[in-house]
Protein backbone atom coordinates (compact mmCIF):
# COMPACT_ATOMS: atom_id res chain seq x y z
CA MET A 1 -49.85 -14.87 -62.34
CA THR A 2 -46.75 -13.10 -61.49
CA ALA A 3 -44.76 -14.39 -58.73
CA THR A 4 -43.99 -11.74 -55.99
CA LYS A 5 -39.98 -11.93 -54.75
CA SER A 6 -40.26 -11.71 -50.59
CA ALA A 7 -37.95 -9.80 -49.29
CA PRO A 8 -35.21 -12.52 -47.45
CA SER A 9 -36.06 -13.09 -43.66
CA THR A 10 -33.95 -12.11 -41.01
CA SER A 11 -34.45 -13.77 -38.03
CA LEU A 12 -33.57 -11.42 -35.28
CA PRO A 13 -34.68 -11.26 -31.55
CA PRO A 14 -36.93 -9.23 -30.40
CA GLY A 15 -36.11 -5.73 -30.20
CA GLY A 16 -33.90 -6.09 -33.26
CA TYR A 17 -30.60 -6.65 -31.08
CA VAL A 18 -28.11 -9.07 -32.06
CA HIS A 19 -25.19 -9.60 -29.52
CA ARG A 20 -21.78 -9.63 -31.36
CA GLU A 21 -18.77 -10.29 -28.80
CA PRO A 22 -16.23 -7.79 -28.88
CA SER A 23 -13.06 -8.48 -30.77
CA LEU A 24 -9.59 -9.02 -29.22
CA LEU A 25 -8.50 -5.60 -30.45
CA ARG A 26 -11.69 -3.67 -28.82
CA ARG A 27 -10.66 -5.89 -25.44
CA LEU A 28 -7.31 -5.21 -25.54
CA LEU A 29 -8.28 -1.21 -26.39
CA PRO A 30 -8.33 -0.66 -22.58
CA TRP A 31 -5.36 -2.49 -21.21
CA LEU A 32 -3.18 -0.36 -24.42
CA VAL A 33 -4.75 2.90 -22.89
CA LEU A 34 -3.41 2.03 -19.60
CA ALA A 35 -0.14 1.06 -20.87
CA VAL A 36 0.32 4.55 -22.67
CA VAL A 37 -0.67 6.48 -19.74
CA LEU A 38 1.01 4.37 -17.17
CA ALA A 39 4.87 4.36 -19.58
CA GLY A 40 4.00 8.57 -19.48
CA LEU A 41 3.62 8.88 -16.05
CA GLY A 42 6.74 6.51 -15.86
CA TYR A 43 8.47 9.27 -18.21
CA LEU A 44 7.86 11.67 -16.23
CA GLY A 45 8.86 9.99 -12.98
CA PHE A 46 12.46 9.14 -13.99
CA ARG A 47 12.48 12.62 -15.36
CA LEU A 48 11.68 13.87 -12.02
CA ALA A 49 14.16 11.54 -10.62
CA GLN A 50 16.80 12.64 -12.93
CA THR A 51 16.10 16.22 -11.39
CA LEU A 52 15.76 15.60 -7.56
CA GLU A 53 19.39 13.88 -8.26
CA GLY A 54 20.79 16.89 -10.03
CA LYS A 55 21.52 14.79 -13.26
CA ALA A 56 19.04 16.67 -15.56
CA PRO A 57 18.19 19.99 -15.71
CA ALA A 58 14.36 21.14 -14.69
CA PHE A 59 11.80 19.86 -17.39
CA THR A 60 8.73 21.39 -18.36
CA ILE A 61 5.31 19.45 -17.74
CA TYR A 62 3.06 21.78 -20.39
CA PHE A 63 3.88 24.98 -22.02
CA VAL A 64 1.38 27.68 -23.64
CA LYS A 65 2.90 30.56 -25.23
CA ASN A 66 0.55 33.97 -25.33
CA GLY A 67 -1.07 32.53 -22.36
CA TRP A 68 -5.00 32.63 -22.60
CA VAL A 69 -4.82 33.42 -26.46
CA SER A 70 -3.12 30.47 -26.89
CA PHE A 71 -5.61 28.46 -24.78
CA LEU A 72 -8.60 29.99 -26.73
CA LEU A 73 -6.84 28.79 -29.61
CA PHE A 74 -6.15 25.42 -28.37
CA LEU A 75 -10.07 24.95 -27.74
CA LEU A 76 -11.11 26.09 -30.93
CA ALA A 77 -8.79 23.59 -32.60
CA ALA A 78 -10.03 21.10 -30.36
CA THR A 79 -13.60 21.67 -31.14
CA GLY A 80 -12.76 21.67 -35.10
CA VAL A 81 -11.23 18.24 -34.41
CA LEU A 82 -13.98 16.88 -33.05
CA ALA A 83 -16.55 18.48 -35.26
CA LEU A 84 -14.90 16.22 -37.85
CA THR A 85 -14.23 13.38 -36.00
CA SER A 86 -18.28 13.76 -34.94
CA LEU A 87 -18.95 13.67 -38.99
CA LEU A 88 -16.75 10.70 -39.29
CA GLY A 89 -18.69 9.27 -36.28
CA GLN A 90 -21.88 9.72 -37.84
CA ARG A 91 -21.21 8.25 -41.29
CA LEU A 92 -19.58 5.47 -39.92
CA GLY A 93 -22.46 4.63 -37.53
CA MET A 94 -24.96 5.50 -40.70
CA ALA A 95 -23.04 2.58 -42.65
CA ARG A 96 -23.13 0.00 -39.82
CA THR A 97 -26.52 0.16 -38.39
CA GLY A 98 -28.56 1.25 -41.65
CA GLN A 99 -30.31 3.74 -39.01
CA ARG A 100 -30.30 7.66 -39.23
CA VAL A 101 -27.67 9.39 -36.62
CA ASP A 102 -28.08 12.63 -35.75
CA TYR A 103 -25.02 14.72 -36.29
CA TRP A 104 -25.86 17.32 -33.36
CA ALA A 105 -25.95 14.86 -31.02
CA VAL A 106 -22.60 12.95 -31.81
CA PHE A 107 -20.93 16.68 -31.96
CA GLY A 108 -22.38 17.57 -28.82
CA THR A 109 -21.44 14.40 -26.90
CA GLN A 110 -17.58 15.04 -28.02
CA LEU A 111 -18.09 18.74 -26.53
CA THR A 112 -19.23 17.36 -23.24
CA HIS A 113 -16.47 15.01 -23.03
CA LEU A 114 -13.92 17.85 -23.81
CA PHE A 115 -15.33 19.64 -21.10
CA LEU A 116 -15.31 16.94 -18.44
CA ILE A 117 -11.55 16.54 -19.24
CA LEU A 118 -10.74 20.26 -18.71
CA VAL A 119 -13.07 19.88 -15.57
CA VAL A 120 -10.58 17.01 -13.99
CA LEU A 121 -7.80 18.52 -15.11
CA VAL A 122 -8.80 21.30 -13.03
CA ALA A 123 -9.48 19.33 -10.43
CA ILE A 124 -6.30 16.79 -10.63
CA TYR A 125 -4.09 20.51 -10.13
CA PRO A 126 -4.16 21.09 -6.40
CA LEU A 127 -3.21 17.72 -5.76
CA LEU A 128 -0.08 17.76 -8.46
CA TYR A 129 0.55 20.57 -6.59
CA VAL A 130 0.32 19.41 -3.23
CA LEU A 131 2.47 16.54 -4.20
CA ILE A 132 5.23 18.88 -5.56
CA ALA A 133 4.76 20.78 -2.79
CA ALA A 134 6.14 17.47 -0.62
CA PHE A 135 9.34 17.31 -2.56
CA ASP A 136 9.86 21.14 -1.75
CA PRO A 137 12.21 21.60 1.35
CA ARG A 138 11.89 25.58 1.21
CA ASN A 139 8.72 24.92 3.57
CA SER A 140 6.38 26.75 1.52
CA LEU A 141 3.26 26.29 -0.45
CA PHE A 142 3.27 29.42 -2.51
CA ALA A 143 5.05 29.11 -5.76
CA PHE A 144 5.83 32.64 -6.77
CA PRO A 145 6.41 33.81 -9.83
CA ASP A 146 9.30 33.77 -12.22
CA THR A 147 9.30 36.35 -14.70
CA GLY A 148 12.37 35.42 -16.42
CA ASN A 149 11.11 31.88 -17.53
CA PRO A 150 9.66 31.55 -21.47
CA ASN A 151 7.18 28.87 -20.14
CA VAL A 152 4.12 30.37 -18.64
CA LEU A 153 3.16 28.14 -15.83
CA TYR A 154 6.24 29.37 -14.05
CA ARG A 155 5.79 33.12 -15.18
CA SER A 156 2.39 32.75 -13.46
CA GLY A 157 3.46 30.91 -10.82
CA LEU A 158 1.69 27.70 -11.50
CA LEU A 159 4.35 25.35 -10.97
CA PRO A 160 7.14 25.74 -8.42
CA ASN A 161 11.00 25.41 -9.37
CA LEU A 162 11.57 22.04 -9.94
CA GLN A 163 15.34 22.54 -9.73
CA VAL A 164 14.89 22.40 -6.00
CA LEU A 165 13.18 19.18 -5.25
CA SER A 166 14.34 16.56 -3.03
CA TYR A 167 13.13 13.99 -0.83
CA GLU A 168 13.86 15.97 2.33
CA ASN A 169 10.24 15.95 3.95
CA PHE A 170 10.01 12.34 3.42
CA ALA A 171 12.86 11.77 5.19
CA LYS A 172 11.89 13.58 8.21
CA LEU A 173 8.75 11.41 8.50
CA PHE A 174 10.91 8.15 8.62
CA GLU A 175 13.55 9.99 10.75
CA GLY A 176 14.82 7.25 13.84
CA PHE A 177 11.92 4.53 12.45
CA THR A 178 13.53 1.10 13.46
CA VAL A 179 12.11 -1.93 11.64
CA PRO A 180 12.33 -5.69 13.09
CA GLY A 181 12.80 -8.65 11.05
CA TRP A 182 9.72 -9.84 11.03
CA GLN A 183 7.92 -6.95 9.99
CA LEU A 184 10.23 -6.62 6.87
CA VAL A 185 9.42 -10.27 6.01
CA LEU A 186 5.57 -9.22 6.32
CA ALA A 187 6.14 -6.33 4.03
CA VAL A 188 8.08 -8.19 1.27
CA ALA A 189 5.51 -10.97 1.62
CA GLY A 190 2.62 -8.44 1.15
CA GLY A 191 4.04 -6.62 -1.43
CA ALA A 192 4.75 -9.52 -3.64
CA ALA A 193 0.78 -10.12 -2.66
CA ALA A 194 -0.35 -6.99 -4.13
CA ALA A 195 1.60 -7.75 -6.92
CA ALA A 196 0.30 -10.89 -7.77
CA LEU A 197 -3.18 -9.66 -7.42
CA LEU A 198 -2.71 -7.35 -9.65
CA ILE A 199 -1.27 -9.57 -12.42
CA LEU A 200 -3.58 -11.96 -11.51
CA LYS A 201 -6.39 -9.26 -12.05
CA LEU A 202 -5.24 -8.85 -15.58
CA VAL A 203 -4.47 -12.43 -16.72
CA GLY A 204 -7.80 -13.29 -15.39
CA ARG A 205 -9.66 -10.24 -17.76
CA LEU A 206 -7.68 -11.76 -20.65
CA SER A 207 -8.26 -15.49 -20.05
CA ALA A 208 -11.25 -17.55 -21.46
CA ASN A 209 -11.18 -19.00 -18.27
CA PRO A 210 -11.08 -16.45 -15.59
CA GLU A 211 -11.89 -19.07 -12.49
CA GLY A 212 -8.39 -20.58 -12.20
CA PRO A 213 -6.64 -16.82 -11.60
CA ALA A 214 -9.68 -15.62 -9.90
CA ARG A 215 -9.04 -18.30 -7.06
CA LEU A 216 -5.31 -17.39 -6.36
CA ALA A 217 -6.18 -13.86 -6.78
CA ARG A 218 -7.85 -13.94 -3.73
CA TRP A 219 -5.45 -16.15 -2.06
CA ALA A 220 -3.12 -13.10 -2.65
CA GLY A 221 -5.78 -11.02 -1.06
CA TRP A 222 -5.73 -12.80 2.02
CA VAL A 223 -2.28 -13.01 1.84
CA LEU A 224 -2.13 -9.13 1.75
CA VAL A 225 -4.72 -8.42 4.18
CA GLY A 226 -3.07 -10.72 6.56
CA ALA A 227 0.18 -9.48 6.56
CA LEU A 228 -1.00 -5.66 6.66
CA LEU A 229 -2.95 -6.62 9.89
CA LEU A 230 0.12 -8.35 11.69
CA ILE A 231 1.90 -5.22 10.90
CA VAL A 232 -0.50 -2.88 12.13
CA VAL A 233 -1.58 -4.42 15.43
CA PHE A 234 2.10 -5.62 16.79
CA MET A 235 3.81 -2.31 15.68
CA THR A 236 4.18 -1.12 18.81
CA PRO A 237 5.57 3.08 20.20
CA ALA A 238 9.23 1.47 20.84
CA GLN A 239 10.37 1.58 17.50
CA PHE A 240 9.66 5.28 16.82
CA THR A 241 12.72 6.56 18.23
CA GLY A 242 12.83 10.25 16.52
CA GLN A 243 12.39 13.29 18.88
CA THR A 244 9.97 15.48 16.95
CA ASN A 245 6.38 15.12 15.64
CA GLU A 246 6.56 14.50 11.82
CA SER A 247 9.05 11.25 12.98
CA LYS A 248 5.95 9.63 14.43
CA PHE A 249 3.37 10.23 11.69
CA VAL A 250 4.00 6.59 10.28
CA LEU A 251 2.86 6.04 14.05
CA SER A 252 -0.41 7.67 13.61
CA VAL A 253 -0.94 6.10 10.50
CA ARG A 254 -0.76 2.86 12.38
CA ASN A 255 -3.08 4.42 14.93
CA THR A 256 -5.54 5.40 12.57
CA LEU A 257 -5.34 1.95 10.66
CA LEU A 258 -5.74 0.29 13.91
CA VAL A 259 -8.87 2.63 15.49
CA SER A 260 -10.25 2.64 11.80
CA GLY A 261 -10.65 -1.00 11.21
CA ILE A 262 -12.20 -2.17 14.86
CA THR A 263 -14.50 0.67 14.35
CA GLY A 264 -15.63 -0.58 10.59
CA ILE A 265 -16.04 -3.94 12.10
CA LEU A 266 -18.21 -2.98 15.08
CA ALA A 267 -20.11 -1.33 12.70
CA ILE A 268 -21.03 -4.40 10.67
CA LEU A 269 -21.83 -6.09 14.04
CA LEU A 270 -24.08 -3.39 15.03
CA SER A 271 -25.94 -2.55 12.23
CA THR A 272 -26.62 -5.46 10.48
CA THR A 273 -28.20 -7.06 13.99
CA ALA A 274 -30.38 -3.90 14.70
CA GLY A 275 -30.95 -3.20 10.40
CA TYR A 276 -32.18 -7.00 10.61
CA ALA A 277 -34.68 -6.67 13.36
CA MET A 278 -35.53 -3.26 12.50
CA ALA A 279 -36.65 -5.02 8.92
CA ARG A 280 -38.19 -8.39 10.02
CA LEU A 281 -39.43 -8.33 13.54
CA ARG A 282 -42.34 -6.33 14.58
CA PHE A 283 -42.23 -5.35 18.17
CA PRO A 284 -43.31 -1.77 20.47
CA GLY A 285 -41.34 0.97 19.93
CA ARG A 286 -40.13 -0.31 16.40
CA PHE A 287 -41.13 2.66 14.20
CA GLN A 288 -40.41 5.22 17.22
CA THR A 289 -36.79 3.99 17.16
CA LEU A 290 -36.64 4.22 13.52
CA LEU A 291 -37.96 7.96 13.49
CA PHE A 292 -35.60 8.69 16.53
CA PHE A 293 -32.40 7.18 14.02
CA ILE A 294 -33.48 9.56 11.90
CA PHE A 295 -33.48 12.45 14.42
CA ILE A 296 -30.37 11.87 15.68
CA GLN A 297 -28.86 12.59 12.01
CA MET A 298 -30.28 15.46 12.65
CA PHE A 299 -27.32 16.95 14.61
CA PRO A 300 -23.78 17.41 14.21
CA VAL A 301 -21.13 15.46 16.16
CA PHE A 302 -19.53 18.38 17.92
CA LEU A 303 -22.53 19.25 19.80
CA ALA A 304 -22.40 16.14 22.00
CA LEU A 305 -18.24 16.71 22.75
CA VAL A 306 -18.49 17.75 26.30
CA ALA A 307 -21.06 14.93 26.74
CA VAL A 308 -18.78 12.15 24.97
CA TYR A 309 -15.66 13.48 27.02
CA LYS A 310 -17.55 13.90 30.59
CA LEU A 311 -18.85 10.26 30.13
CA LEU A 312 -15.69 8.47 28.81
CA THR A 313 -13.54 10.42 31.61
CA ASP A 314 -16.18 8.77 34.65
CA LEU A 315 -15.74 5.46 32.59
CA GLY A 316 -11.35 5.96 32.76
CA LEU A 317 -11.63 5.73 28.88
CA ALA A 318 -10.23 9.42 28.10
CA ASN A 319 -7.16 8.90 25.84
CA THR A 320 -7.57 5.67 25.17
CA PHE A 321 -8.17 4.06 21.56
CA THR A 322 -10.98 1.99 23.45
CA GLY A 323 -13.28 5.05 24.31
CA LEU A 324 -12.33 6.84 20.72
CA ILE A 325 -13.75 3.59 19.32
CA LEU A 326 -16.76 3.47 21.40
CA ALA A 327 -17.96 6.87 20.47
CA TYR A 328 -17.31 6.31 16.63
CA SER A 329 -19.13 3.09 16.86
CA GLY A 330 -22.07 4.83 18.79
CA GLY A 331 -22.54 7.37 16.06
CA ALA A 332 -22.50 4.75 13.29
CA ILE A 333 -25.53 2.47 14.22
CA ALA A 334 -28.08 5.32 13.04
CA PHE A 335 -27.14 5.57 9.51
CA ASN A 336 -25.45 2.02 8.83
CA THR A 337 -28.71 0.46 10.27
CA TRP A 338 -31.27 2.24 8.56
CA ILE A 339 -28.72 1.11 5.09
CA PHE A 340 -29.06 -2.49 6.17
CA LYS A 341 -32.58 -2.35 6.85
CA GLY A 342 -33.44 -1.00 3.44
CA TYR A 343 -30.96 -4.05 1.88
CA VAL A 344 -32.68 -6.79 4.06
CA GLU A 345 -36.16 -5.55 2.82
CA SER A 346 -35.09 -5.60 -0.75
CA LEU A 347 -34.41 -9.63 -0.21
CA PRO A 348 -37.15 -12.24 -0.69
CA GLU A 349 -38.75 -13.35 2.31
CA SER A 350 -39.81 -16.52 1.31
CA LEU A 351 -36.09 -17.46 1.36
CA GLU A 352 -36.40 -17.02 5.25
CA GLU A 353 -39.66 -18.81 5.29
CA ALA A 354 -38.50 -21.85 3.70
CA ALA A 355 -35.45 -22.11 6.12
CA MET A 356 -37.82 -21.70 9.21
CA VAL A 357 -39.99 -24.24 7.61
CA ASP A 358 -36.79 -26.51 7.61
CA GLY A 359 -36.43 -25.87 11.71
CA ALA A 360 -34.20 -22.87 11.36
CA THR A 361 -34.49 -20.11 14.07
CA ARG A 362 -34.55 -16.64 13.44
CA TRP A 363 -31.10 -16.76 14.54
CA GLN A 364 -29.89 -19.23 12.60
CA THR A 365 -32.28 -17.95 9.65
CA PHE A 366 -29.80 -14.12 10.17
CA LEU A 367 -26.44 -16.22 9.89
CA ARG A 368 -27.19 -18.54 7.14
CA VAL A 369 -29.71 -16.93 4.86
CA VAL A 370 -29.48 -13.48 5.31
CA LEU A 371 -25.80 -12.55 6.00
CA PRO A 372 -24.44 -15.13 3.26
CA LEU A 373 -26.36 -13.12 0.85
CA SER A 374 -25.37 -9.32 2.26
CA GLY A 375 -21.36 -9.60 1.11
CA GLY A 376 -21.59 -6.38 -0.66
CA ILE A 377 -23.49 -4.24 1.77
CA MET A 378 -21.41 -5.15 4.84
CA VAL A 379 -17.73 -4.46 2.89
CA PHE A 380 -20.01 -1.16 1.63
CA ILE A 381 -20.31 -0.15 5.34
CA PHE A 382 -17.17 -1.39 6.19
CA LEU A 383 -15.70 1.21 3.65
CA ASN A 384 -17.96 3.51 4.90
CA GLN A 385 -17.10 3.77 8.41
CA PHE A 386 -13.41 3.13 7.58
CA ILE A 387 -13.06 6.48 5.65
CA GLY A 388 -15.35 8.23 7.84
CA THR A 389 -13.22 7.67 10.54
CA TYR A 390 -9.75 7.66 8.77
CA ALA A 391 -10.68 11.53 7.97
CA GLU A 392 -12.21 12.45 11.27
CA PHE A 393 -10.42 15.23 13.43
CA ILE A 394 -12.54 16.99 16.25
CA LEU A 395 -13.33 13.72 18.28
CA ALA A 396 -9.92 12.59 17.79
CA ASN A 397 -8.47 15.88 18.87
CA VAL A 398 -10.36 15.92 21.98
CA LEU A 399 -10.11 12.55 23.10
CA LEU A 400 -6.34 11.90 22.46
CA THR A 401 -3.41 13.54 24.19
CA GLY A 402 0.28 13.07 23.71
CA VAL A 403 1.64 12.40 20.12
CA GLU A 404 1.94 8.39 20.44
CA GLN A 405 -1.92 8.31 20.60
CA TRP A 406 -2.54 10.91 17.67
CA THR A 407 -4.17 9.82 14.66
CA VAL A 408 -3.33 11.18 10.75
CA GLY A 409 -5.77 14.38 11.14
CA VAL A 410 -4.13 15.60 15.08
CA MET A 411 -0.71 14.94 13.62
CA LEU A 412 -1.52 16.82 10.36
CA ARG A 413 -3.07 19.65 12.57
CA SER A 414 0.24 19.51 14.67
CA PHE A 415 2.40 20.77 11.38
CA SER A 416 0.14 23.77 10.65
CA THR A 417 -0.19 25.30 14.59
CA GLY A 418 2.03 28.40 14.87
CA GLN A 419 1.90 31.60 13.26
CA PHE A 420 5.40 31.18 11.93
CA SER A 421 6.43 27.55 12.72
CA THR A 422 3.85 26.25 10.13
CA LYS A 423 5.63 22.78 8.40
CA TRP A 424 3.74 23.28 4.83
CA GLY A 425 6.67 20.99 2.81
CA VAL A 426 6.13 18.12 5.69
CA PHE A 427 2.81 18.41 5.85
CA ALA A 428 2.45 18.13 2.44
CA ALA A 429 4.73 15.08 2.49
CA ALA A 430 2.60 13.40 5.18
CA ALA A 431 -0.88 14.11 3.78
CA THR A 432 0.47 12.60 0.47
CA LEU A 433 1.50 9.49 2.34
CA GLY A 434 -1.43 9.67 4.50
CA ALA A 435 -4.06 9.38 1.70
CA LEU A 436 -2.22 6.35 0.26
CA PRO A 437 -3.89 3.61 2.24
CA ILE A 438 -7.51 5.47 1.48
CA ILE A 439 -7.07 5.45 -2.24
CA ALA A 440 -5.78 2.16 -2.34
CA LEU A 441 -9.15 0.62 0.05
CA PHE A 442 -11.46 2.77 -2.05
CA TYR A 443 -10.23 1.76 -5.62
CA ALA A 444 -9.46 -2.15 -4.80
CA PHE A 445 -13.83 -2.35 -3.16
CA GLN A 446 -15.03 0.76 -5.25
CA ASN A 447 -17.72 -1.92 -6.89
CA PHE A 448 -18.90 -2.88 -3.32
CA PHE A 449 -18.62 0.95 -2.78
CA VAL A 450 -20.68 2.18 -5.41
CA GLY A 451 -23.51 -0.66 -5.47
CA GLY A 452 -23.69 -0.50 -1.81
CA ALA A 453 -24.70 3.11 -1.77
CA VAL A 454 -28.03 2.27 -4.28
CA ALA A 455 -28.51 -1.19 -2.37
CA GLY A 456 -32.36 -1.33 -1.37
CA GLY A 457 -33.32 0.79 -3.37
CA VAL A 458 -35.45 -1.65 -5.19
CA LYS A 459 -37.38 -4.19 -3.65
CA GLU A 460 -37.88 -7.68 -5.02
C-alpha cells in the first residue's frame, strides 16, 4: 500500500476570508496624506499673505505651456503611468491572493479615478474664483486676459491678477462692529473648544482606548455649542454702528442662525410627534392625511406667498422672526413627517409592546423608547431643515423689511441690485463668510446626514 500525502488543512472560516488588522503604516497613511495637503495649503496661504502685504510678487499656482496640447500630453502621460501602476497592482494582487486578477478591471478603475479627479477640479474652480474675487478690491468678477503673461491661466483670463488682492472687501463687512468683553470671552472659549475637539478626534482615532478622548470630545462639543448659542441669542443690532448695508452682514448671519436653529428645533418637535402617530396609531383620516402630505409637496413654495403674507399680516407677525419661523416650520411638516414615519416603522414594534406591558403609556413609550433610538434621524431632520432655511430667499425677502431684520440671502441680494451699483467684491466676500457655518455644520454631522437620508429604507 502506498500512503497518499494529504494536503495541509487550512482552517479558514466560511467564505475563505481571514480578517487582518491594518498595520500602523496603513492606519497612519490617511493622516499623512492629510498632513501633506494641509502643509501645501498652508504654504499657498503663506505666499498669498505675502502677496497681499506686498512682500512678494504674485505667484503662479499652476503653469501650462502650449495650452490644450500640453493638457492632452498630460492626459496621455497620466494614462501611461496608470497603465504601469495597474500592471504592478495586478501582479502584486495575484501574488498575495493566489487568484486571477483582471488587468483591464484594475486599469478601468484607475482611469475612473483620474476622470473623477478632473471633475472635482472643474467643480472646485468656481469656488476658487469666487474666493479670489472676494480679495479683489476692483469690484469685478471678471478676470480680463493678460496677453503679456507667460502663464496660460493668466493669458486666458482663468485667474485674476493676484498682485492687486487685499482685505478691503472683508473689512467693509466688519466696519463699525463692536464686540463686548463677554462675547469676546465666549468666542475665545468656543475657539479653544473647537481646537480641542479636533485634537481629541485625532487622538481617539489613533488611541487603543478611544472611549476617554470621545468623552472629552463630547464635553468640548457642548462647550462650543453653548458658546455659539449665547453669542447668537444675545447679539443685538446696537453692536453694528456702520452706515452701509455691508456693515450689517454679521447681523444678517446672526439672524439667519437664530431663525434656522429655532426652525430646526420646531421641525423635530412637529415631525417626530406627527410621524410617530402616523406610524403606530390607527385613526380615521390617517391615510388621507398622508396622501395630503404628498399632494402639497407637488406645489412650489412661492404659490403660497400671497396667502402666507396675508395671514401673517392679519396676525400682526409681518416683518418678525416669529412669523418667518412659523412659515418655515409649517412647510417642513409634510416631508419630515414622512421621513420620521419611515424610520419608526423600521424599528421593532416589540420594544414598545414590552414597555407597555410593563405599564408604560403610549406617550411614555414614545419618550423613553422611540426617541432614544432616534438620535440619528432627529439630527438629520434638524440639519435638513437648518440648511434648507439658511439658504432660503423668497419667503424672507417678502416677509422681512429693514436691513436689521434681513437674513443672509436677502443681504446678499442687496449687494447685487442696481444696474451699475453691484458690489461684486463685497458680494463674493460675504458669500464666502456666509458659507462657513453651513460647511462646518455639514462636515461635523455628515455621518448623521448621509445615514438619515436612507433611514427607514429597510424594515426590521
